[in-house]
Amino acid sequence: MKGGLLKGLATFLILAELADRPKCGYEIGKEISKKVGGKLPPGYVYVMLGTLERKGLVESERSAGRKKEYRLTESGVRFLIEHEEHIKRLIELLSEVQGVVKGLKETELQAEGPATR
């Protein structure tokens, strides 16, 4: 996977958002923000959508009004399928981090002792 971890993760999240139906950039950003539990930097989704469109992974079309709707292309579908192992590895790495955090929390609770809980 080329690029930074955040960019790679954003690519997977955006493409997955488009797997079921076309969506506008605002809707994509709103859904991803809900999933990650925080707002994305302004314009970030649109920059990523532009990159994904240039790579042929998504395509856009103006819908009623000024909204631009994006949809997953066949290349985008193949990209997700071909990167399934990368996605699995990301999940494994995050699971490892979660295990470390859990261990740290347990150590911290033990150090506090029963009187301070």
C-alpha atoms as a PDB file:
ATOM      1  CA  MET A   1       0.000   0.000   0.000  1.00  0.00           C
ATOM      2  CA  LYS A   2       1.554   3.301  -1.071  1.00  0.00           C
ATOM      3  CA  GLY A   3       1.174   6.494   0.940  1.00  0.00           C
ATOM      4  CA  GLY A   4       0.653   7.113   4.595  1.00  0.00           C
ATOM      5  CA  LEU A   5      -1.408   4.998   6.924  1.00  0.00           C
ATOM      6  CA  LEU A   6      -4.083   7.681   7.330  1.00  0.00           C
ATOM      7  CA  LYS A   7      -4.389   8.170   3.587  1.00  0.00           C
ATOM      8  CA  GLY A   8      -4.656   4.406   3.066  1.00  0.00           C
ATOM      9  CA  LEU A   9      -7.266   4.082   5.769  1.00  0.00           C
ATOM     10  CA  ALA A  10      -9.229   7.018   4.335  1.00  0.00           C
ATOM     11  CA  THR A  11      -9.127   5.381   0.898  1.00  0.00           C
ATOM     12  CA  PHE A  12     -10.620   2.165   2.274  1.00  0.00           C
ATOM     13  CA  LEU A  13     -13.259   4.038   4.276  1.00  0.00           C
ATOM     14  CA  ILE A  14     -14.370   6.170   1.326  1.00  0.00           C
ATOM     15  CA  LEU A  15     -14.513   3.267  -1.109  1.00  0.00           C
ATOM     16  CA  ALA A  16     -16.452   1.177   1.409  1.00  0.00           C
ATOM     17  CA  GLU A  17     -18.927   4.048   1.877  1.00  0.00           C
ATOM     18  CA  LEU A  18     -19.634   3.949  -1.849  1.00  0.00           C
ATOM     19  CA  ALA A  19     -20.061   0.172  -2.065  1.00  0.00           C
ATOM     20  CA  ASP A  20     -23.837   0.245  -1.599  1.00  0.00           C
ATOM     21  CA  ARG A  21     -24.842   3.372  -3.550  1.00  0.00           C
ATOM     22  CA  PRO A  22     -23.617   6.703  -4.932  1.00  0.00           C
ATOM     23  CA  LYS A  23     -23.214   9.502  -2.367  1.00  0.00           C
ATOM     24  CA  CYS A  24     -22.191  13.142  -2.307  1.00  0.00           C
ATOM     25  CA  GLY A  25     -18.958  14.175  -0.600  1.00  0.00           C
ATOM     26  CA  TYR A  26     -20.789  15.747   2.338  1.00  0.00           C
ATOM     27  CA  GLU A  27     -22.666  12.512   3.057  1.00  0.00           C
ATOM     28  CA  ILE A  28     -19.457  10.461   2.799  1.00  0.00           C
ATOM     29  CA  GLY A  29     -17.668  12.801   5.207  1.00  0.00           C
ATOM     30  CA  LYS A  30     -20.586  12.784   7.631  1.00  0.00           C
ATOM     31  CA  GLU A  31     -20.755   8.964   7.693  1.00  0.00           C
ATOM     32  CA  ILE A  32     -17.003   8.540   8.151  1.00  0.00           C
ATOM     33  CA  SER A  33     -16.945  11.193  10.893  1.00  0.00           C
ATOM     34  CA  LYS A  34     -19.643   9.247  12.749  1.00  0.00           C
ATOM     35  CA  LYS A  35     -17.642   6.036  12.419  1.00  0.00           C
ATOM     36  CA  VAL A  36     -14.332   7.516  13.592  1.00  0.00           C
ATOM     37  CA  GLY A  37     -15.953   9.567  16.336  1.00  0.00           C
ATOM     38  CA  GLY A  38     -14.758  12.988  15.248  1.00  0.00           C
ATOM     39  CA  LYS A  39     -14.802  15.548  12.489  1.00  0.00           C
ATOM     40  CA  LEU A  40     -12.462  15.198   9.547  1.00  0.00           C
ATOM     41  CA  PRO A  41     -10.332  18.182   8.509  1.00  0.00           C
ATOM     42  CA  PRO A  42     -12.293  20.572   6.241  1.00  0.00           C
ATOM     43  CA  GLY A  43     -12.066  19.534   2.614  1.00  0.00           C
ATOM     44  CA  TYR A  44     -10.234  16.287   3.363  1.00  0.00           C
ATOM     45  CA  VAL A  45     -12.894  14.025   1.856  1.00  0.00           C
ATOM     46  CA  TYR A  46     -13.061  16.150  -1.304  1.00  0.00           C
ATOM     47  CA  VAL A  47      -9.280  16.049  -1.757  1.00  0.00           C
ATOM     48  CA  MET A  48      -9.354  12.269  -1.334  1.00  0.00           C
ATOM     49  CA  LEU A  49     -12.323  11.917  -3.709  1.00  0.00           C
ATOM     50  CA  GLY A  50     -10.416  13.922  -6.333  1.00  0.00           C
ATOM     51  CA  THR A  51      -7.412  11.636  -5.930  1.00  0.00           C
ATOM     52  CA  LEU A  52      -9.573   8.511  -6.123  1.00  0.00           C
ATOM     53  CA  GLU A  53     -11.339   9.868  -9.204  1.00  0.00           C
ATOM     54  CA  ARG A  54      -8.020  10.572 -10.972  1.00  0.00           C
ATOM     55  CA  LYS A  55      -6.991   6.989 -10.174  1.00  0.00           C
ATOM     56  CA  GLY A  56     -10.248   5.706 -11.670  1.00  0.00           C
ATOM     57  CA  LEU A  57     -11.489   4.166  -8.412  1.00  0.00           C
ATOM     58  CA  VAL A  58     -14.547   6.432  -8.236  1.00  0.00           C
ATOM     59  CA  GLU A  59     -16.392   8.569 -10.738  1.00  0.00           C
ATOM     60  CA  SER A  60     -18.605  11.569 -10.223  1.00  0.00           C
ATOM     61  CA  GLU A  61     -21.711  12.972 -11.803  1.00  0.00           C
ATOM     62  CA  ARG A  62     -23.671  16.115 -11.064  1.00  0.00           C
ATOM     63  CA  SER A  63     -27.017  15.275  -9.525  1.00  0.00           C
ATOM     64  CA  ALA A  64     -30.048  17.516  -9.208  1.00  0.00           C
ATOM     65  CA  GLY A  65     -28.857  20.892  -8.035  1.00  0.00           C
ATOM     66  CA  ARG A  66     -25.146  21.509  -7.526  1.00  0.00           C
ATOM     67  CA  LYS A  67     -24.303  18.276  -5.721  1.00  0.00           C
ATOM     68  CA  LYS A  68     -21.727  15.996  -7.194  1.00  0.00           C
ATOM     69  CA  GLU A  69     -22.394  12.325  -6.519  1.00  0.00           C
ATOM     70  CA  TYR A  70     -19.607   9.793  -6.436  1.00  0.00           C
ATOM     71  CA  ARG A  71     -19.891   6.128  -7.210  1.00  0.00           C
ATOM     72  CA  LEU A  72     -17.515   3.202  -6.992  1.00  0.00           C
ATOM     73  CA  THR A  73     -16.121   2.040 -10.341  1.00  0.00           C
ATOM     74  CA  GLU A  74     -15.226  -1.523 -11.312  1.00  0.00           C
ATOM     75  CA  SER A  75     -11.605  -0.554 -10.672  1.00  0.00           C
ATOM     76  CA  GLY A  76     -12.601   0.612  -7.198  1.00  0.00           C
ATOM     77  CA  VAL A  77     -14.297  -2.710  -6.505  1.00  0.00           C
ATOM     78  CA  ARG A  78     -11.210  -4.597  -7.711  1.00  0.00           C
ATOM     79  CA  PHE A  79      -8.987  -2.338  -5.599  1.00  0.00           C
ATOM     80  CA  LEU A  80     -10.896  -3.240  -2.430  1.00  0.00           C
ATOM     81  CA  ILE A  81     -10.870  -6.945  -3.264  1.00  0.00           C
ATOM     82  CA  GLU A  82      -7.159  -6.914  -4.144  1.00  0.00           C
ATOM     83  CA  HIS A  83      -6.313  -5.119  -0.895  1.00  0.00           C
ATOM     84  CA  GLU A  84      -8.248  -7.435   1.390  1.00  0.00           C
ATOM     85  CA  GLU A  85      -4.992  -8.708   2.924  1.00  0.00           C
ATOM     86  CA  HIS A  86      -3.866  -5.127   3.667  1.00  0.00           C
ATOM     87  CA  ILE A  87      -7.202  -4.493   5.357  1.00  0.00           C
ATOM     88  CA  LYS A  88      -6.836  -7.679   7.418  1.00  0.00           C
ATOM     89  CA  ARG A  89      -3.302  -6.625   8.415  1.00  0.00           C
ATOM     90  CA  LEU A  90      -4.533  -3.173   9.506  1.00  0.00           C
ATOM     91  CA  ILE A  91      -7.155  -4.863  11.680  1.00  0.00           C
ATOM     92  CA  GLU A  92      -4.485  -7.133  13.184  1.00  0.00           C
ATOM     93  CA  LEU A  93      -2.200  -4.179  13.917  1.00  0.00           C
ATOM     94  CA  LEU A  94      -5.006  -2.221  15.543  1.00  0.00           C
ATOM     95  CA  SER A  95      -5.912  -5.276  17.590  1.00  0.00           C
ATOM     96  CA  GLU A  96      -2.292  -5.447  18.805  1.00  0.00           C
ATOM     97  CA  VAL A  97      -2.440  -1.786  19.804  1.00  0.00           C
ATOM     98  CA  GLN A  98      -5.722  -2.429  21.605  1.00  0.00           C
ATOM     99  CA  GLY A  99      -4.069  -5.271  23.530  1.00  0.00           C
ATOM    100  CA  VAL A 100      -1.207  -2.996  24.584  1.00  0.00           C
ATOM    101  CA  VAL A 101      -3.651  -0.332  25.749  1.00  0.00           C
ATOM    102  CA  LYS A 102      -5.657  -2.898  27.700  1.00  0.00           C
ATOM    103  CA  GLY A 103      -2.470  -4.112  29.404  1.00  0.00           C
ATOM    104  CA  LEU A 104      -1.458  -0.557  30.279  1.00  0.00           C
ATOM    105  CA  LYS A 105      -4.870   0.152  31.759  1.00  0.00           C
ATOM    106  CA  GLU A 106      -4.728  -2.994  33.890  1.00  0.00           C
ATOM    107  CA  THR A 107      -1.220  -2.100  35.088  1.00  0.00           C
ATOM    108  CA  GLU A 108      -2.362   1.401  35.964  1.00  0.00           C
ATOM    109  CA  LEU A 109      -5.381   0.128  37.884  1.00  0.00           C
ATOM    110  CA  GLN A 110      -3.186  -2.294  39.823  1.00  0.00           C
ATOM    111  CA  ALA A 111      -0.731   0.492  40.666  1.00  0.00           C
ATOM    112  CA  GLU A 112      -3.557   2.668  42.020  1.00  0.00           C
ATOM    113  CA  GLY A 113      -4.597  -0.042  44.453  1.00  0.00           C
ATOM    114  CA  PRO A 114      -8.061  -0.796  45.795  1.00  0.00           C
ATOM    115  CA  ALA A 115      -8.302   2.345  47.991  1.00  0.00           C
ATOM    116  CA  THR A 116      -8.284   4.762  45.050  1.00  0.00           C
ATOM    117  CA  ARG A 117     -10.763   2.946  42.779  1.00  0.00           C
END
